[in-house]
């Protein structure tokens, strides 16, 4: 299973700016993954990815 990295962060920024949004939703699915491993994965996301996402500030929202 992959891990979010700099390329993913750049892509998330690009999409946020393209759509003029200030909200991004992530859906976590652990399938058959043991609960302890799923929790470890979510905590890693919270520690490593969320701080960078909080800093995203799309330049100009698109007018409706």
Protein backbone atom coordinates (compact mmCIF):
# COMPACT_ATOMS: atom_id res chain seq x y z
CA UNK A 1 0.00 0.00 0.00
CA UNK A 2 1.32 3.46 -0.92
CA UNK A 3 2.08 6.39 1.30
CA UNK A 4 1.29 10.04 0.67
CA UNK A 5 4.36 12.02 -0.22
CA UNK A 6 5.48 15.31 -1.73
CA UNK A 7 3.97 14.41 -5.12
CA UNK A 8 0.61 13.72 -3.50
CA UNK A 9 0.75 17.00 -1.60
CA UNK A 10 1.59 18.88 -4.81
CA UNK A 11 -1.32 17.18 -6.59
CA UNK A 12 -3.72 18.02 -3.75
CA UNK A 13 -2.60 21.66 -3.92
CA UNK A 14 -3.03 21.70 -7.69
CA UNK A 15 -6.55 20.28 -7.45
CA UNK A 16 -7.56 22.64 -4.64
CA UNK A 17 -6.39 25.62 -6.68
CA UNK A 18 -7.99 24.32 -9.89
CA UNK A 19 -11.37 23.90 -8.27
CA UNK A 20 -11.09 26.95 -6.03
CA UNK A 21 -11.93 24.95 -2.94
CA UNK A 22 -10.78 25.17 0.61
CA UNK A 23 -12.06 21.72 1.55
CA UNK A 24 -10.61 18.31 0.75
CA UNK A 25 -12.21 15.08 1.93
CA UNK A 26 -10.32 11.85 2.42
CA UNK A 27 -12.01 8.49 2.85
CA UNK A 28 -10.09 5.79 4.68
CA UNK A 29 -10.93 2.18 3.99
CA UNK A 30 -9.07 -0.49 5.87
CA UNK A 31 -10.60 -3.49 4.08
CA UNK A 32 -9.13 -6.58 5.72
CA UNK A 33 -6.32 -4.63 7.39
CA UNK A 34 -6.00 -5.34 11.11
CA UNK A 35 -7.43 -2.49 13.22
CA UNK A 36 -4.06 -1.73 14.85
CA UNK A 37 -2.45 -1.27 11.43
CA UNK A 38 -5.35 0.90 10.20
CA UNK A 39 -5.09 3.09 13.29
CA UNK A 40 -1.31 3.39 12.79
CA UNK A 41 -1.90 4.46 9.18
CA UNK A 42 -4.47 7.12 10.15
CA UNK A 43 -2.21 8.47 12.89
CA UNK A 44 0.65 8.71 10.39
CA UNK A 45 -1.64 10.64 8.03
CA UNK A 46 -2.67 12.97 10.85
CA UNK A 47 0.94 13.58 11.89
CA UNK A 48 2.60 13.85 8.46
CA UNK A 49 -0.03 14.99 5.97
CA UNK A 50 -2.64 17.05 7.81
CA UNK A 51 -0.24 19.80 8.93
CA UNK A 52 0.80 20.38 5.31
CA UNK A 53 -2.81 20.36 4.13
CA UNK A 54 -3.76 22.93 6.75
CA UNK A 55 -1.22 25.29 5.16
CA UNK A 56 -2.87 25.08 1.72
CA UNK A 57 -4.50 28.30 0.75
CA UNK A 58 -5.88 28.23 -2.79
CA UNK A 59 -5.09 31.53 -4.51
CA UNK A 60 -8.46 32.51 -5.95
CA UNK A 61 -11.81 30.75 -5.53
CA UNK A 62 -13.73 30.29 -8.78
CA UNK A 63 -16.92 32.39 -8.87
CA UNK A 64 -20.12 30.40 -9.27
